[in-house]
Amino acid sequence: MYGIETITPPTAAPVPVAALRARLRLNGTAEDGDLEEFLAAAVEQFEDDARRPVLATTYRQDLSCWPCGPIVIARGGVTAVNAVGWYDADGEPNDLDPAEWRAEVRTPPARVTLAANPAPVVTAAGIDVATVGYVTFTAGWATPAAVPRRVRTAIMLLAGHFYEHREAFLEGTLSELPSGWAAVVSQYKLGLTGDLGQ
């Protein structure tokens, strides 16, 4: 099994509120707070459906054990693997030397191959336990301008859908997505399921 935690979230939004306001033909800024919320929800929906971030985000993927083969990174759009390491008996992280691993990010899914698995961790009581590790990586488009137009358009489409059905959205009952959403998401979907052998 694995778990993923966001270490450094993006500092910008892929679509500015002003662009959504113009698309919806709204004259004033009174509803900008709601529009910002709808845009954020649309970005989250894309990231959940496609299993990849829109803008550059740094993650840590914790592994419950070292896999027999390569470590598969469970996010799409990986641009860099920053560190690979293991936790000692006190739970402290220890980065492996970069010479001890190799990352492949050019073809999805991104993966890391180790030269050798780390030795078992020895607890204070002298008991060998399985080594658990981690990979830190960056994924997502570098800037809002680098996000493909169809992704930005899909985000605005969904945010506009949320706006038009805002009562249902705010009550948490909106389940229908606009036509065309799935077609865009499928172009960027990672397509991995399960625990990836980890």
N, C-alpha and C. Protein backbone atom coordinates (compact mmCIF):
# COMPACT_ATOMS: atom_id res chain seq x y z
N MET A 1 0.85 -1.19 0.00
CA MET A 1 0.00 0.00 0.00
C MET A 1 0.88 1.24 0.00
N TYR A 2 0.30 2.34 -0.39
CA TYR A 2 1.03 3.60 -0.40
C TYR A 2 0.08 4.72 0.01
N GLY A 3 0.67 5.82 0.41
CA GLY A 3 -0.10 7.02 0.71
C GLY A 3 0.61 8.21 0.12
N ILE A 4 -0.14 9.20 -0.32
CA ILE A 4 0.45 10.39 -0.93
C ILE A 4 0.04 11.62 -0.14
N GLU A 5 1.02 12.45 0.17
CA GLU A 5 0.78 13.69 0.91
C GLU A 5 1.33 14.86 0.11
N THR A 6 0.59 15.94 0.06
CA THR A 6 1.07 17.15 -0.61
C THR A 6 2.07 17.85 0.29
N ILE A 7 3.25 18.10 -0.25
CA ILE A 7 4.30 18.80 0.51
C ILE A 7 4.27 20.30 0.19
N THR A 8 4.23 20.62 -1.10
CA THR A 8 4.20 22.03 -1.52
C THR A 8 3.10 22.20 -2.55
N PRO A 9 1.99 22.85 -2.18
CA PRO A 9 0.91 23.06 -3.14
C PRO A 9 1.27 24.17 -4.13
N PRO A 10 0.54 24.25 -5.24
CA PRO A 10 0.80 25.35 -6.18
C PRO A 10 0.45 26.70 -5.56
N THR A 11 1.09 27.74 -6.05
CA THR A 11 0.88 29.08 -5.50
C THR A 11 -0.02 29.93 -6.40
N ALA A 12 -0.46 29.37 -7.51
CA ALA A 12 -1.31 30.12 -8.44
C ALA A 12 -2.52 29.27 -8.80
N ALA A 13 -3.43 29.85 -9.54
CA ALA A 13 -4.60 29.13 -10.04
C ALA A 13 -4.46 29.01 -11.56
N PRO A 14 -4.88 27.89 -12.14
CA PRO A 14 -4.72 27.73 -13.59
C PRO A 14 -5.64 28.64 -14.40
N VAL A 15 -6.74 29.07 -13.79
CA VAL A 15 -7.70 29.95 -14.47
C VAL A 15 -8.02 31.10 -13.52
N PRO A 16 -7.82 32.35 -13.94
CA PRO A 16 -8.16 33.47 -13.06
C PRO A 16 -9.67 33.66 -12.95
N VAL A 17 -10.09 34.20 -11.83
CA VAL A 17 -11.51 34.45 -11.60
C VAL A 17 -12.07 35.36 -12.70
N ALA A 18 -11.27 36.33 -13.13
CA ALA A 18 -11.74 37.27 -14.16
C ALA A 18 -12.11 36.55 -15.45
N ALA A 19 -11.38 35.49 -15.80
CA ALA A 19 -11.69 34.76 -17.03
C ALA A 19 -13.03 34.04 -16.90
N LEU A 20 -13.30 33.46 -15.74
CA LEU A 20 -14.58 32.79 -15.54
C LEU A 20 -15.71 33.81 -15.50
N ARG A 21 -15.45 34.94 -14.86
CA ARG A 21 -16.47 36.00 -14.80
C ARG A 21 -16.85 36.46 -16.21
N ALA A 22 -15.83 36.62 -17.08
CA ALA A 22 -16.09 37.04 -18.45
C ALA A 22 -16.85 35.96 -19.22
N ARG A 23 -16.50 34.70 -18.99
CA ARG A 23 -17.18 33.60 -19.68
C ARG A 23 -18.66 33.55 -19.30
N LEU A 24 -18.95 33.84 -18.02
CA LEU A 24 -20.32 33.81 -17.54
C LEU A 24 -21.07 35.11 -17.80
N ARG A 25 -20.35 36.08 -18.39
CA ARG A 25 -20.92 37.39 -18.72
C ARG A 25 -21.48 38.10 -17.48
N LEU A 26 -20.69 38.06 -16.42
CA LEU A 26 -21.07 38.77 -15.20
C LEU A 26 -20.41 40.15 -15.22
N ASN A 27 -21.16 41.16 -14.87
CA ASN A 27 -20.64 42.53 -14.97
C ASN A 27 -19.86 42.97 -13.74
N GLY A 28 -20.25 42.49 -12.57
CA GLY A 28 -19.61 42.94 -11.34
C GLY A 28 -18.75 41.87 -10.71
N THR A 29 -18.11 42.27 -9.61
CA THR A 29 -17.21 41.35 -8.89
C THR A 29 -17.85 40.82 -7.61
N ALA A 30 -19.12 41.07 -7.42
CA ALA A 30 -19.77 40.70 -6.16
C ALA A 30 -19.72 39.19 -5.90
N GLU A 31 -19.72 38.40 -6.96
CA GLU A 31 -19.74 36.95 -6.79
C GLU A 31 -18.37 36.30 -6.96
N ASP A 32 -17.31 37.09 -6.94
CA ASP A 32 -15.97 36.55 -7.16
C ASP A 32 -15.58 35.50 -6.13
N GLY A 33 -16.04 35.66 -4.90
CA GLY A 33 -15.72 34.66 -3.87
C GLY A 33 -16.29 33.30 -4.23
N ASP A 34 -17.54 33.29 -4.71
CA ASP A 34 -18.14 32.03 -5.15
C ASP A 34 -17.43 31.48 -6.38
N LEU A 35 -17.09 32.35 -7.33
CA LEU A 35 -16.41 31.89 -8.54
C LEU A 35 -15.07 31.26 -8.21
N GLU A 36 -14.36 31.85 -7.27
CA GLU A 36 -13.07 31.29 -6.85
C GLU A 36 -13.26 29.90 -6.26
N GLU A 37 -14.31 29.73 -5.46
CA GLU A 37 -14.62 28.43 -4.86
C GLU A 37 -14.97 27.40 -5.94
N PHE A 38 -15.75 27.81 -6.93
CA PHE A 38 -16.15 26.90 -8.01
C PHE A 38 -14.94 26.50 -8.86
N LEU A 39 -14.04 27.45 -9.11
CA LEU A 39 -12.83 27.13 -9.86
C LEU A 39 -11.96 26.13 -9.09
N ALA A 40 -11.81 26.37 -7.78
CA ALA A 40 -11.01 25.45 -6.96
C ALA A 40 -11.63 24.06 -6.96
N ALA A 41 -12.96 23.99 -6.88
CA ALA A 41 -13.65 22.69 -6.89
C ALA A 41 -13.47 22.00 -8.24
N ALA A 42 -13.49 22.76 -9.33
CA ALA A 42 -13.29 22.18 -10.66
C ALA A 42 -11.87 21.64 -10.82
N VAL A 43 -10.90 22.36 -10.29
CA VAL A 43 -9.51 21.88 -10.33
C VAL A 43 -9.39 20.58 -9.53
N GLU A 44 -9.98 20.55 -8.34
CA GLU A 44 -9.96 19.32 -7.53
C GLU A 44 -10.61 18.16 -8.27
N GLN A 45 -11.71 18.43 -8.96
CA GLN A 45 -12.40 17.37 -9.71
C GLN A 45 -11.51 16.83 -10.82
N PHE A 46 -10.82 17.73 -11.53
CA PHE A 46 -9.91 17.28 -12.59
C PHE A 46 -8.79 16.43 -12.00
N GLU A 47 -8.22 16.90 -10.89
CA GLU A 47 -7.10 16.17 -10.29
C GLU A 47 -7.53 14.82 -9.75
N ASP A 48 -8.75 14.73 -9.21
CA ASP A 48 -9.26 13.45 -8.73
C ASP A 48 -9.54 12.50 -9.89
N ASP A 49 -10.18 13.02 -10.94
CA ASP A 49 -10.55 12.18 -12.07
C ASP A 49 -9.34 11.72 -12.89
N ALA A 50 -8.39 12.63 -13.09
CA ALA A 50 -7.22 12.32 -13.92
C ALA A 50 -6.06 11.76 -13.13
N ARG A 51 -6.10 11.89 -11.81
CA ARG A 51 -5.01 11.48 -10.93
C ARG A 51 -3.69 12.16 -11.32
N ARG A 52 -3.81 13.45 -11.57
CA ARG A 52 -2.62 14.27 -11.84
C ARG A 52 -2.95 15.70 -11.44
N PRO A 53 -1.98 16.44 -10.94
CA PRO A 53 -2.25 17.84 -10.59
C PRO A 53 -2.26 18.71 -11.83
N VAL A 54 -2.92 19.84 -11.72
CA VAL A 54 -2.93 20.79 -12.83
C VAL A 54 -1.63 21.60 -12.81
N LEU A 55 -1.35 22.24 -11.70
CA LEU A 55 -0.12 23.05 -11.58
C LEU A 55 0.90 22.35 -10.70
N ALA A 56 2.17 22.72 -10.88
CA ALA A 56 3.28 22.06 -10.21
C ALA A 56 3.05 21.94 -8.71
N THR A 57 3.10 20.71 -8.23
CA THR A 57 2.86 20.37 -6.84
C THR A 57 3.91 19.36 -6.42
N THR A 58 4.44 19.51 -5.22
CA THR A 58 5.40 18.54 -4.71
C THR A 58 4.70 17.61 -3.74
N TYR A 59 4.91 16.31 -3.94
CA TYR A 59 4.28 15.27 -3.13
C TYR A 59 5.32 14.37 -2.48
N ARG A 60 4.88 13.69 -1.43
CA ARG A 60 5.65 12.57 -0.88
C ARG A 60 4.76 11.33 -0.95
N GLN A 61 5.26 10.30 -1.60
CA GLN A 61 4.55 9.02 -1.67
C GLN A 61 5.23 8.07 -0.71
N ASP A 62 4.51 7.70 0.36
CA ASP A 62 5.05 6.77 1.35
C ASP A 62 4.70 5.35 0.95
N LEU A 63 5.66 4.45 1.11
CA LEU A 63 5.49 3.05 0.74
C LEU A 63 5.46 2.20 2.00
N SER A 64 4.51 1.29 2.08
CA SER A 64 4.45 0.41 3.25
C SER A 64 5.50 -0.68 3.18
N CYS A 65 6.04 -0.91 1.99
CA CYS A 65 7.14 -1.87 1.82
C CYS A 65 7.81 -1.55 0.49
N TRP A 66 9.02 -2.06 0.33
CA TRP A 66 9.70 -1.88 -0.95
C TRP A 66 9.15 -2.91 -1.92
N PRO A 67 8.72 -2.47 -3.12
CA PRO A 67 8.20 -3.44 -4.08
C PRO A 67 9.31 -4.29 -4.68
N CYS A 68 8.91 -5.41 -5.27
CA CYS A 68 9.90 -6.29 -5.91
C CYS A 68 10.51 -5.63 -7.13
N GLY A 69 9.72 -4.85 -7.85
CA GLY A 69 10.21 -4.19 -9.06
C GLY A 69 10.31 -2.70 -8.85
N PRO A 70 10.15 -1.94 -9.94
CA PRO A 70 10.23 -0.48 -9.82
C PRO A 70 9.13 0.09 -8.93
N ILE A 71 9.41 1.23 -8.34
CA ILE A 71 8.41 1.97 -7.57
C ILE A 71 7.59 2.78 -8.57
N VAL A 72 6.30 2.52 -8.65
CA VAL A 72 5.42 3.24 -9.57
C VAL A 72 4.87 4.47 -8.85
N ILE A 73 5.02 5.63 -9.46
CA ILE A 73 4.53 6.86 -8.86
C ILE A 73 3.07 7.04 -9.26
N ALA A 74 2.23 7.21 -8.26
CA ALA A 74 0.78 7.18 -8.47
C ALA A 74 0.18 8.54 -8.79
N ARG A 75 0.88 9.33 -9.56
CA ARG A 75 0.35 10.59 -10.08
C ARG A 75 0.86 10.74 -11.51
N GLY A 76 0.03 11.36 -12.35
CA GLY A 76 0.47 11.66 -13.70
C GLY A 76 1.15 13.00 -13.77
N GLY A 77 1.76 13.28 -14.90
CA GLY A 77 2.39 14.57 -15.10
C GLY A 77 3.62 14.81 -14.27
N VAL A 78 4.32 13.72 -13.88
CA VAL A 78 5.53 13.87 -13.05
C VAL A 78 6.63 14.52 -13.88
N THR A 79 7.23 15.56 -13.34
CA THR A 79 8.31 16.26 -14.04
C THR A 79 9.67 16.00 -13.41
N ALA A 80 9.70 15.61 -12.14
CA ALA A 80 10.97 15.36 -11.47
C ALA A 80 10.76 14.49 -10.24
N VAL A 81 11.72 13.60 -10.00
CA VAL A 81 11.79 12.87 -8.74
C VAL A 81 12.88 13.54 -7.92
N ASN A 82 12.52 14.04 -6.75
CA ASN A 82 13.44 14.85 -5.95
C ASN A 82 14.27 14.04 -4.98
N ALA A 83 13.68 13.00 -4.41
CA ALA A 83 14.40 12.19 -3.42
C ALA A 83 13.72 10.84 -3.28
N VAL A 84 14.53 9.85 -2.91
CA VAL A 84 14.04 8.51 -2.58
C VAL A 84 14.73 8.14 -1.26
N GLY A 85 14.00 7.58 -0.32
CA GLY A 85 14.63 7.27 0.96
C GLY A 85 13.85 6.25 1.76
N TRP A 86 14.28 6.07 2.99
CA TRP A 86 13.68 5.09 3.89
C TRP A 86 13.59 5.70 5.28
N TYR A 87 12.70 5.13 6.09
CA TYR A 87 12.52 5.61 7.47
C TYR A 87 13.26 4.68 8.42
N ASP A 88 13.98 5.29 9.38
CA ASP A 88 14.68 4.47 10.37
C ASP A 88 13.71 4.04 11.47
N ALA A 89 14.22 3.37 12.47
CA ALA A 89 13.37 2.82 13.53
C ALA A 89 12.65 3.91 14.32
N ASP A 90 13.19 5.13 14.30
CA ASP A 90 12.54 6.25 14.99
C ASP A 90 11.60 7.02 14.08
N GLY A 91 11.43 6.55 12.85
CA GLY A 91 10.56 7.23 11.91
C GLY A 91 11.18 8.42 11.22
N GLU A 92 12.50 8.55 11.35
CA GLU A 92 13.18 9.68 10.71
C GLU A 92 13.52 9.33 9.26
N PRO A 93 13.31 10.27 8.33
CA PRO A 93 13.61 9.99 6.92
C PRO A 93 15.11 10.01 6.65
N ASN A 94 15.54 9.16 5.75
CA ASN A 94 16.94 9.08 5.34
C ASN A 94 16.98 8.97 3.82
N ASP A 95 17.44 10.04 3.16
CA ASP A 95 17.50 10.01 1.70
C ASP A 95 18.60 9.06 1.24
N LEU A 96 18.29 8.29 0.20
CA LEU A 96 19.30 7.47 -0.44
C LEU A 96 20.18 8.36 -1.31
N ASP A 97 21.42 7.93 -1.52
CA ASP A 97 22.30 8.63 -2.44
C ASP A 97 21.68 8.56 -3.84
N PRO A 98 21.65 9.67 -4.59
CA PRO A 98 21.06 9.64 -5.93
C PRO A 98 21.67 8.58 -6.85
N ALA A 99 22.90 8.17 -6.55
CA ALA A 99 23.52 7.12 -7.36
C ALA A 99 22.87 5.76 -7.12
N GLU A 100 22.04 5.63 -6.06
CA GLU A 100 21.43 4.35 -5.72
C GLU A 100 20.05 4.16 -6.34
N TRP A 101 19.58 5.15 -7.10
CA TRP A 101 18.28 5.00 -7.75
C TRP A 101 18.27 5.76 -9.07
N ARG A 102 17.34 5.35 -9.92
CA ARG A 102 17.18 5.99 -11.23
C ARG A 102 15.70 6.23 -11.48
N ALA A 103 15.36 7.42 -11.95
CA ALA A 103 13.96 7.76 -12.21
C ALA A 103 13.70 7.83 -13.71
N GLU A 104 12.53 7.37 -14.09
CA GLU A 104 12.06 7.49 -15.48
C GLU A 104 10.75 8.26 -15.46
N VAL A 105 10.78 9.51 -15.95
CA VAL A 105 9.58 10.35 -15.93
C VAL A 105 9.08 10.68 -17.33
N ARG A 106 9.79 10.25 -18.35
CA ARG A 106 9.40 10.62 -19.71
C ARG A 106 8.20 9.85 -20.21
N THR A 107 8.04 8.62 -19.74
CA THR A 107 6.90 7.80 -20.18
C THR A 107 6.05 7.44 -18.96
N PRO A 108 4.74 7.71 -19.02
CA PRO A 108 3.89 7.39 -17.86
C PRO A 108 3.61 5.90 -17.77
N PRO A 109 3.43 5.39 -16.56
CA PRO A 109 3.58 6.11 -15.30
C PRO A 109 5.05 6.29 -14.94
N ALA A 110 5.36 7.38 -14.27
CA ALA A 110 6.73 7.60 -13.81
C ALA A 110 7.09 6.52 -12.79
N ARG A 111 8.34 6.13 -12.76
CA ARG A 111 8.76 5.06 -11.86
C ARG A 111 10.21 5.25 -11.45
N VAL A 112 10.56 4.62 -10.35
CA VAL A 112 11.91 4.69 -9.80
C VAL A 112 12.44 3.28 -9.65
N THR A 113 13.65 3.06 -10.11
CA THR A 113 14.31 1.77 -9.97
C THR A 113 15.47 1.91 -9.00
N LEU A 114 15.54 1.02 -8.02
CA LEU A 114 16.62 1.04 -7.04
C LEU A 114 17.73 0.11 -7.46
N ALA A 115 18.98 0.52 -7.16
CA ALA A 115 20.11 -0.37 -7.41
C ALA A 115 20.01 -1.60 -6.51
N ALA A 116 19.54 -1.43 -5.29
CA ALA A 116 19.34 -2.53 -4.34
C ALA A 116 18.36 -2.07 -3.28
N ASN A 117 17.59 -3.01 -2.73
CA ASN A 117 16.67 -2.65 -1.66
C ASN A 117 17.45 -2.36 -0.38
N PRO A 118 17.01 -1.36 0.39
CA PRO A 118 17.70 -1.08 1.66
C PRO A 118 17.62 -2.27 2.62
N ALA A 119 18.60 -2.35 3.49
CA ALA A 119 18.62 -3.43 4.48
C ALA A 119 17.48 -3.25 5.48
N PRO A 120 17.04 -4.33 6.14
CA PRO A 120 15.98 -4.20 7.15
C PRO A 120 16.39 -3.22 8.24
N VAL A 121 15.40 -2.57 8.81
CA VAL A 121 15.63 -1.64 9.92
C VAL A 121 15.67 -2.44 11.21
N VAL A 122 16.61 -2.10 12.08
CA VAL A 122 16.74 -2.77 13.37
C VAL A 122 16.21 -1.83 14.45
N THR A 123 15.24 -2.30 15.21
CA THR A 123 14.67 -1.48 16.27
C THR A 123 15.61 -1.43 17.46
N ALA A 124 15.28 -0.58 18.45
CA ALA A 124 16.10 -0.46 19.65
C ALA A 124 16.18 -1.79 20.40
N ALA A 125 15.15 -2.65 20.23
CA ALA A 125 15.15 -3.96 20.89
C ALA A 125 15.92 -5.00 20.10
N GLY A 126 16.52 -4.58 18.97
CA GLY A 126 17.31 -5.50 18.16
C GLY A 126 16.49 -6.36 17.22
N ILE A 127 15.27 -5.95 16.94
CA ILE A 127 14.39 -6.72 16.07
C ILE A 127 14.44 -6.14 14.65
N ASP A 128 14.64 -7.02 13.66
CA ASP A 128 14.61 -6.59 12.26
C ASP A 128 13.16 -6.39 11.82
N VAL A 129 12.89 -5.26 11.21
CA VAL A 129 11.55 -4.99 10.68
C VAL A 129 11.69 -4.58 9.21
N ALA A 130 10.62 -4.80 8.46
CA ALA A 130 10.65 -4.44 7.05
C ALA A 130 10.86 -2.94 6.89
N THR A 131 11.66 -2.59 5.90
CA THR A 131 11.94 -1.18 5.64
C THR A 131 10.78 -0.55 4.89
N VAL A 132 10.36 0.61 5.34
CA VAL A 132 9.36 1.39 4.62
C VAL A 132 10.05 2.63 4.07
N GLY A 133 9.60 3.06 2.91
CA GLY A 133 10.31 4.15 2.27
C GLY A 133 9.39 5.22 1.74
N TYR A 134 9.96 6.10 0.95
CA TYR A 134 9.23 7.23 0.40
C TYR A 134 9.90 7.71 -0.88
N VAL A 135 9.12 8.40 -1.67
CA VAL A 135 9.61 9.09 -2.86
C VAL A 135 9.00 10.48 -2.83
N THR A 136 9.82 11.51 -3.00
CA THR A 136 9.27 12.86 -3.16
C THR A 136 9.43 13.25 -4.62
N PHE A 137 8.38 13.87 -5.16
CA PHE A 137 8.39 14.18 -6.59
C PHE A 137 7.55 15.41 -6.87
N THR A 138 7.76 15.98 -8.04
CA THR A 138 7.00 17.13 -8.49
C THR A 138 6.22 16.74 -9.73
N ALA A 139 4.95 17.14 -9.77
CA ALA A 139 4.11 16.86 -10.93
C ALA A 139 3.25 18.07 -11.22
N GLY A 140 2.83 18.20 -12.48
CA GLY A 140 1.96 19.29 -12.88
C GLY A 140 2.65 20.25 -13.83
N TRP A 141 1.85 21.02 -14.54
CA TRP A 141 2.39 22.01 -15.46
C TRP A 141 3.02 23.15 -14.68
N ALA A 142 4.13 23.68 -15.20
CA ALA A 142 4.95 24.64 -14.45
C ALA A 142 4.24 25.96 -14.17
N THR A 143 3.45 26.45 -15.11
CA THR A 143 2.79 27.75 -14.97
C THR A 143 1.37 27.65 -15.50
N PRO A 144 0.50 28.60 -15.14
CA PRO A 144 -0.85 28.60 -15.71
C PRO A 144 -0.84 28.66 -17.24
N ALA A 145 0.11 29.40 -17.80
CA ALA A 145 0.19 29.51 -19.27
C ALA A 145 0.55 28.18 -19.93
N ALA A 146 1.23 27.30 -19.18
CA ALA A 146 1.64 26.00 -19.74
C ALA A 146 0.52 24.97 -19.71
N VAL A 147 -0.54 25.24 -18.95
CA VAL A 147 -1.67 24.30 -18.89
C VAL A 147 -2.35 24.28 -20.25
N PRO A 148 -2.58 23.10 -20.84
CA PRO A 148 -3.24 23.04 -22.15
C PRO A 148 -4.58 23.77 -22.15
N ARG A 149 -4.88 24.39 -23.28
CA ARG A 149 -6.11 25.17 -23.38
C ARG A 149 -7.35 24.32 -23.11
N ARG A 150 -7.32 23.06 -23.57
CA ARG A 150 -8.52 22.24 -23.35
C ARG A 150 -8.74 21.94 -21.87
N VAL A 151 -7.63 21.86 -21.09
CA VAL A 151 -7.77 21.65 -19.65
C VAL A 151 -8.32 22.91 -18.99
N ARG A 152 -7.79 24.06 -19.37
CA ARG A 152 -8.31 25.31 -18.82
C ARG A 152 -9.78 25.50 -19.19
N THR A 153 -10.13 25.16 -20.43
CA THR A 153 -11.52 25.30 -20.87
C THR A 153 -12.43 24.35 -20.10
N ALA A 154 -11.97 23.12 -19.89
CA ALA A 154 -12.77 22.14 -19.14
C ALA A 154 -12.99 22.60 -17.70
N ILE A 155 -11.95 23.18 -17.10
CA ILE A 155 -12.08 23.69 -15.73
C ILE A 155 -13.11 24.81 -15.68
N MET A 156 -13.05 25.73 -16.66
CA MET A 156 -14.05 26.80 -16.70
C MET A 156 -15.44 26.25 -16.97
N LEU A 157 -15.53 25.24 -17.84
CA LEU A 157 -16.82 24.62 -18.13
C LEU A 157 -17.45 24.04 -16.87
N LEU A 158 -16.64 23.32 -16.10
CA LEU A 158 -17.16 22.71 -14.88
C LEU A 158 -17.46 23.77 -13.82
N ALA A 159 -16.58 24.75 -13.68
CA ALA A 159 -16.84 25.82 -12.71
C ALA A 159 -18.11 26.58 -13.08
N GLY A 160 -18.34 26.81 -14.37
CA GLY A 160 -19.56 27.46 -14.82
C GLY A 160 -20.79 26.60 -14.53
N HIS A 161 -20.62 25.29 -14.69
CA HIS A 161 -21.71 24.36 -14.36
C HIS A 161 -22.04 24.44 -12.87
N PHE A 162 -21.01 24.49 -12.04
CA PHE A 162 -21.23 24.64 -10.61
C PHE A 162 -21.95 25.96 -10.30
N TYR A 163 -21.56 27.02 -11.02
CA TYR A 163 -22.19 28.32 -10.80
C TYR A 163 -23.68 28.28 -11.17
N GLU A 164 -23.97 27.69 -12.32
CA GLU A 164 -25.35 27.64 -12.80
C GLU A 164 -26.23 26.75 -11.93
N HIS A 165 -25.63 25.79 -11.27
CA HIS A 165 -26.38 24.89 -10.39
C HIS A 165 -25.87 25.05 -8.95
N ARG A 166 -25.57 26.29 -8.57
CA ARG A 166 -24.88 26.53 -7.30
C ARG A 166 -25.65 26.08 -6.08
N GLU A 167 -26.96 26.13 -6.12
CA GLU A 167 -27.71 25.69 -4.94
C GLU A 167 -27.47 24.21 -4.69
N ALA A 168 -27.53 23.40 -5.74
CA ALA A 168 -27.27 21.97 -5.60
C ALA A 168 -25.82 21.73 -5.22
N PHE A 169 -24.89 22.51 -5.81
CA PHE A 169 -23.47 22.34 -5.52
C PHE A 169 -23.18 22.64 -4.05
N LEU A 170 -23.70 23.75 -3.55
CA LEU A 170 -23.42 24.16 -2.18
C LEU A 170 -24.05 23.20 -1.16
N GLU A 171 -25.11 22.53 -1.57
CA GLU A 171 -25.74 21.56 -0.67
C GLU A 171 -25.10 20.18 -0.79
N GLY A 172 -24.15 20.04 -1.70
CA GLY A 172 -23.43 18.76 -1.84
C GLY A 172 -24.21 17.69 -2.56
N THR A 173 -25.21 18.08 -3.37
CA THR A 173 -26.02 17.07 -4.05
C THR A 173 -25.78 17.02 -5.55
N LEU A 174 -24.92 17.88 -6.09
CA LEU A 174 -24.68 17.91 -7.53
C LEU A 174 -23.79 16.75 -7.93
N SER A 175 -24.30 15.87 -8.77
CA SER A 175 -23.52 14.71 -9.19
C SER A 175 -23.29 14.68 -10.69
N GLU A 176 -24.11 15.36 -11.46
CA GLU A 176 -24.00 15.33 -12.91
C GLU A 176 -22.91 16.29 -13.38
N LEU A 177 -22.05 15.81 -14.29
CA LEU A 177 -20.99 16.64 -14.84
C LEU A 177 -21.37 17.04 -16.26
N PRO A 178 -20.88 18.18 -16.73
CA PRO A 178 -21.26 18.64 -18.07
C PRO A 178 -20.71 17.75 -19.17
N SER A 179 -21.42 17.74 -20.28
CA SER A 179 -20.98 16.97 -21.44
C SER A 179 -19.62 17.46 -21.91
N GLY A 180 -18.74 16.54 -22.23
CA GLY A 180 -17.40 16.91 -22.69
C GLY A 180 -16.35 16.82 -21.62
N TRP A 181 -16.76 16.83 -20.36
CA TRP A 181 -15.79 16.76 -19.26
C TRP A 181 -14.99 15.47 -19.33
N ALA A 182 -15.67 14.34 -19.44
CA ALA A 182 -14.99 13.04 -19.45
C ALA A 182 -14.04 12.92 -20.63
N ALA A 183 -14.41 13.50 -21.78
CA ALA A 183 -13.57 13.42 -22.97
C ALA A 183 -12.23 14.11 -22.74
N VAL A 184 -12.25 15.26 -22.06
CA VAL A 184 -11.00 15.97 -21.79
C VAL A 184 -10.18 15.23 -20.74
N VAL A 185 -10.84 14.81 -19.65
CA VAL A 185 -10.12 14.12 -18.58
C VAL A 185 -9.45 12.85 -19.10
N SER A 186 -10.13 12.13 -19.99
CA SER A 186 -9.58 10.86 -20.49
C SER A 186 -8.27 11.06 -21.24
N GLN A 187 -8.06 12.25 -21.80
CA GLN A 187 -6.81 12.53 -22.52
C GLN A 187 -5.60 12.61 -21.57
N TYR A 188 -5.86 12.89 -20.30
CA TYR A 188 -4.78 13.11 -19.34
C TYR A 188 -4.80 12.12 -18.19
N LYS A 189 -5.73 11.18 -18.21
CA LYS A 189 -5.89 10.25 -17.09
C LYS A 189 -4.70 9.32 -16.99
N LEU A 190 -4.25 9.10 -15.75
CA LEU A 190 -3.10 8.23 -15.52
C LEU A 190 -3.44 6.78 -15.80
N GLY A 191 -4.63 6.35 -15.42
CA GLY A 191 -5.07 5.00 -15.73
C GLY A 191 -4.52 3.91 -14.84
N LEU A 192 -4.07 4.25 -13.64
CA LEU A 192 -3.57 3.25 -12.70
C LEU A 192 -4.61 3.02 -11.62
N THR A 193 -4.73 1.76 -11.19
CA THR A 193 -5.61 1.43 -10.09
C THR A 193 -4.89 0.48 -9.15
N GLY A 194 -5.47 0.27 -7.97
CA GLY A 194 -4.88 -0.67 -7.01
C GLY A 194 -3.74 -0.06 -6.24
N ASP A 195 -2.99 -0.93 -5.55
CA ASP A 195 -1.90 -0.43 -4.71
C ASP A 195 -0.56 -0.45 -5.40
N LEU A 196 -0.54 -0.72 -6.70
CA LEU A 196 0.67 -0.66 -7.54
C LEU A 196 1.77 -1.59 -7.03
N GLY A 197 1.39 -2.63 -6.28
CA GLY A 197 2.38 -3.57 -5.77
C GLY A 197 3.18 -3.02 -4.62
N GLN A 198 2.69 -1.93 -3.99
CA GLN A 198 3.46 -1.29 -2.93
C GLN A 198 2.68 -1.35 -1.65
